[in-house]
N, C-alpha and C. Protein backbone atom coordinates (compact mmCIF):
# COMPACT_ATOMS: atom_id res chain seq x y z
N MET A 1 0.52 -48.93 58.33
CA MET A 1 0.30 -50.36 58.25
C MET A 1 -1.20 -50.61 58.36
N THR A 2 -1.67 -51.53 57.57
CA THR A 2 -3.10 -51.84 57.56
C THR A 2 -3.31 -53.32 57.82
N ILE A 3 -4.27 -53.61 58.68
CA ILE A 3 -4.70 -54.98 58.92
C ILE A 3 -6.04 -55.13 58.22
N PHE A 4 -6.11 -56.06 57.29
CA PHE A 4 -7.35 -56.34 56.57
C PHE A 4 -8.08 -57.47 57.28
N ILE A 5 -9.15 -57.14 57.95
CA ILE A 5 -9.90 -58.09 58.77
C ILE A 5 -10.36 -59.29 57.93
N LYS A 6 -10.77 -59.03 56.71
CA LYS A 6 -11.28 -60.07 55.82
C LYS A 6 -10.24 -61.15 55.53
N GLU A 7 -8.95 -60.85 55.73
CA GLU A 7 -7.90 -61.84 55.47
C GLU A 7 -7.92 -63.00 56.45
N PHE A 8 -8.50 -62.80 57.64
CA PHE A 8 -8.47 -63.88 58.62
C PHE A 8 -9.83 -64.26 59.20
N THR A 9 -10.88 -63.52 58.82
CA THR A 9 -12.23 -63.89 59.28
C THR A 9 -13.28 -63.32 58.33
N PRO A 10 -14.36 -64.05 58.10
CA PRO A 10 -15.41 -63.55 57.21
C PRO A 10 -16.33 -62.53 57.89
N ASN A 11 -16.23 -62.43 59.22
CA ASN A 11 -17.08 -61.49 59.96
C ASN A 11 -16.38 -61.08 61.25
N ALA A 12 -16.95 -60.11 61.93
CA ALA A 12 -16.37 -59.63 63.19
C ALA A 12 -17.32 -60.00 64.33
N LEU A 13 -17.48 -61.32 64.52
CA LEU A 13 -18.45 -61.80 65.49
C LEU A 13 -17.84 -62.49 66.70
N SER A 14 -16.84 -63.30 66.49
CA SER A 14 -16.40 -64.19 67.56
C SER A 14 -15.26 -63.63 68.41
N GLU A 15 -15.18 -64.15 69.61
CA GLU A 15 -14.07 -63.80 70.50
C GLU A 15 -12.75 -64.30 69.91
N ASN A 16 -12.76 -65.46 69.28
CA ASN A 16 -11.54 -66.00 68.66
C ASN A 16 -11.01 -65.07 67.57
N ALA A 17 -11.90 -64.56 66.74
CA ALA A 17 -11.47 -63.64 65.68
C ALA A 17 -10.95 -62.34 66.31
N GLY A 18 -11.59 -61.89 67.37
CA GLY A 18 -11.12 -60.70 68.08
C GLY A 18 -9.74 -60.91 68.67
N SER A 19 -9.51 -62.08 69.23
CA SER A 19 -8.20 -62.41 69.79
C SER A 19 -7.13 -62.43 68.70
N GLU A 20 -7.49 -62.95 67.52
CA GLU A 20 -6.56 -62.97 66.39
C GLU A 20 -6.21 -61.54 65.97
N LEU A 21 -7.20 -60.68 65.92
CA LEU A 21 -6.93 -59.28 65.58
C LEU A 21 -6.00 -58.66 66.62
N ARG A 22 -6.26 -58.90 67.89
CA ARG A 22 -5.40 -58.37 68.95
C ARG A 22 -3.96 -58.83 68.76
N LYS A 23 -3.75 -60.11 68.46
CA LYS A 23 -2.40 -60.64 68.23
C LYS A 23 -1.72 -59.92 67.07
N ARG A 24 -2.48 -59.69 66.01
CA ARG A 24 -1.91 -59.01 64.84
C ARG A 24 -1.55 -57.56 65.16
N ILE A 25 -2.42 -56.89 65.90
CA ILE A 25 -2.14 -55.51 66.28
C ILE A 25 -0.88 -55.45 67.14
N LEU A 26 -0.81 -56.31 68.15
CA LEU A 26 0.35 -56.31 69.04
C LEU A 26 1.64 -56.65 68.30
N SER A 27 1.56 -57.58 67.36
CA SER A 27 2.73 -57.97 66.59
C SER A 27 3.24 -56.80 65.75
N LEU A 28 2.33 -56.13 65.05
CA LEU A 28 2.73 -54.98 64.23
C LEU A 28 3.27 -53.85 65.09
N HIS A 29 2.63 -53.63 66.22
CA HIS A 29 3.09 -52.57 67.12
C HIS A 29 4.48 -52.88 67.68
N GLU A 30 4.72 -54.14 67.98
CA GLU A 30 6.03 -54.54 68.48
C GLU A 30 7.12 -54.33 67.44
N GLU A 31 6.80 -54.64 66.18
CA GLU A 31 7.77 -54.48 65.10
C GLU A 31 8.03 -53.02 64.76
N ASN A 32 6.99 -52.20 64.83
CA ASN A 32 7.09 -50.79 64.44
C ASN A 32 6.29 -49.93 65.42
N PRO A 33 6.82 -49.69 66.61
CA PRO A 33 6.05 -49.01 67.65
C PRO A 33 5.63 -47.57 67.33
N ASN A 34 6.25 -46.94 66.38
CA ASN A 34 5.91 -45.55 66.05
C ASN A 34 4.99 -45.41 64.85
N GLU A 35 4.60 -46.53 64.25
CA GLU A 35 3.74 -46.49 63.07
C GLU A 35 2.27 -46.59 63.47
N ASP A 36 1.42 -45.89 62.74
CA ASP A 36 -0.03 -46.02 62.93
C ASP A 36 -0.49 -47.34 62.34
N ILE A 37 -1.51 -47.91 62.96
CA ILE A 37 -2.11 -49.15 62.46
C ILE A 37 -3.55 -48.84 62.08
N THR A 38 -3.91 -49.17 60.86
CA THR A 38 -5.27 -48.97 60.36
C THR A 38 -5.96 -50.32 60.27
N LEU A 39 -7.21 -50.36 60.71
CA LEU A 39 -8.02 -51.58 60.60
C LEU A 39 -8.98 -51.40 59.45
N ASP A 40 -8.91 -52.29 58.47
CA ASP A 40 -9.76 -52.22 57.28
C ASP A 40 -10.86 -53.27 57.39
N PHE A 41 -12.10 -52.81 57.55
CA PHE A 41 -13.25 -53.70 57.70
C PHE A 41 -14.02 -53.87 56.39
N GLU A 42 -13.40 -53.52 55.28
CA GLU A 42 -14.09 -53.65 53.99
C GLU A 42 -14.54 -55.09 53.79
N GLY A 43 -15.80 -55.27 53.41
CA GLY A 43 -16.35 -56.60 53.16
C GLY A 43 -16.89 -57.29 54.40
N ILE A 44 -16.70 -56.68 55.56
CA ILE A 44 -17.24 -57.24 56.80
C ILE A 44 -18.59 -56.59 57.05
N THR A 45 -19.63 -57.40 57.14
CA THR A 45 -20.98 -56.85 57.31
C THR A 45 -21.62 -57.25 58.64
N LEU A 46 -21.03 -58.18 59.36
CA LEU A 46 -21.56 -58.60 60.65
C LEU A 46 -20.55 -58.29 61.74
N TYR A 47 -21.03 -57.66 62.81
CA TYR A 47 -20.17 -57.23 63.92
C TYR A 47 -20.82 -57.65 65.24
N ALA A 48 -20.01 -57.90 66.25
CA ALA A 48 -20.52 -58.19 67.59
C ALA A 48 -19.59 -57.60 68.63
N THR A 49 -20.17 -57.24 69.74
CA THR A 49 -19.41 -56.67 70.85
C THR A 49 -18.29 -57.60 71.29
N MET A 50 -18.56 -58.89 71.29
CA MET A 50 -17.56 -59.87 71.72
C MET A 50 -16.26 -59.72 70.93
N PHE A 51 -16.37 -59.52 69.64
CA PHE A 51 -15.20 -59.33 68.78
C PHE A 51 -14.39 -58.11 69.23
N PHE A 52 -15.08 -57.00 69.43
CA PHE A 52 -14.39 -55.76 69.80
C PHE A 52 -13.86 -55.80 71.22
N ASN A 53 -14.56 -56.47 72.12
CA ASN A 53 -14.05 -56.61 73.49
C ASN A 53 -12.75 -57.39 73.52
N ALA A 54 -12.65 -58.43 72.70
CA ALA A 54 -11.46 -59.28 72.68
C ALA A 54 -10.29 -58.64 71.94
N SER A 55 -10.56 -57.67 71.12
CA SER A 55 -9.48 -57.05 70.33
C SER A 55 -9.18 -55.64 70.84
N ILE A 56 -9.92 -54.69 70.38
CA ILE A 56 -9.65 -53.30 70.70
C ILE A 56 -9.94 -53.00 72.17
N GLY A 57 -11.03 -53.53 72.69
CA GLY A 57 -11.39 -53.30 74.08
C GLY A 57 -10.29 -53.77 75.02
N PHE A 58 -9.73 -54.92 74.74
CA PHE A 58 -8.63 -55.45 75.56
C PHE A 58 -7.45 -54.49 75.55
N LEU A 59 -7.11 -53.98 74.38
CA LEU A 59 -5.97 -53.07 74.26
C LEU A 59 -6.23 -51.75 74.99
N ILE A 60 -7.44 -51.26 74.92
CA ILE A 60 -7.77 -50.03 75.64
C ILE A 60 -7.67 -50.27 77.15
N LYS A 61 -8.21 -51.38 77.59
CA LYS A 61 -8.18 -51.70 79.01
C LYS A 61 -6.73 -51.83 79.51
N GLU A 62 -5.88 -52.44 78.70
CA GLU A 62 -4.47 -52.63 79.07
C GLU A 62 -3.63 -51.39 78.77
N ASN A 63 -4.27 -50.37 78.17
CA ASN A 63 -3.60 -49.10 77.87
C ASN A 63 -2.40 -49.28 76.94
N LYS A 64 -2.59 -50.05 75.89
CA LYS A 64 -1.52 -50.32 74.92
C LYS A 64 -1.51 -49.26 73.85
C-alpha cells in the first residue's frame, strides 16, 4: 500500500499535514495490519521536522 503525500499536501512542512499523514497510516494499518505501507514523497520539495514529528515521529514514540 502506498500513501502519496502530494495527494493531500503540496509540501511536508506543517504539523497539520503531518497529523493527516499519521491518520492515513493508522487507517491503512488498521485495515491491513500485515501489509507494508510505503510513503511516496514524489513532487514534495519542502520538508520540516514538525511534519515528521507529527507523523512518523509520533508513531515511533507510540511504538506502532
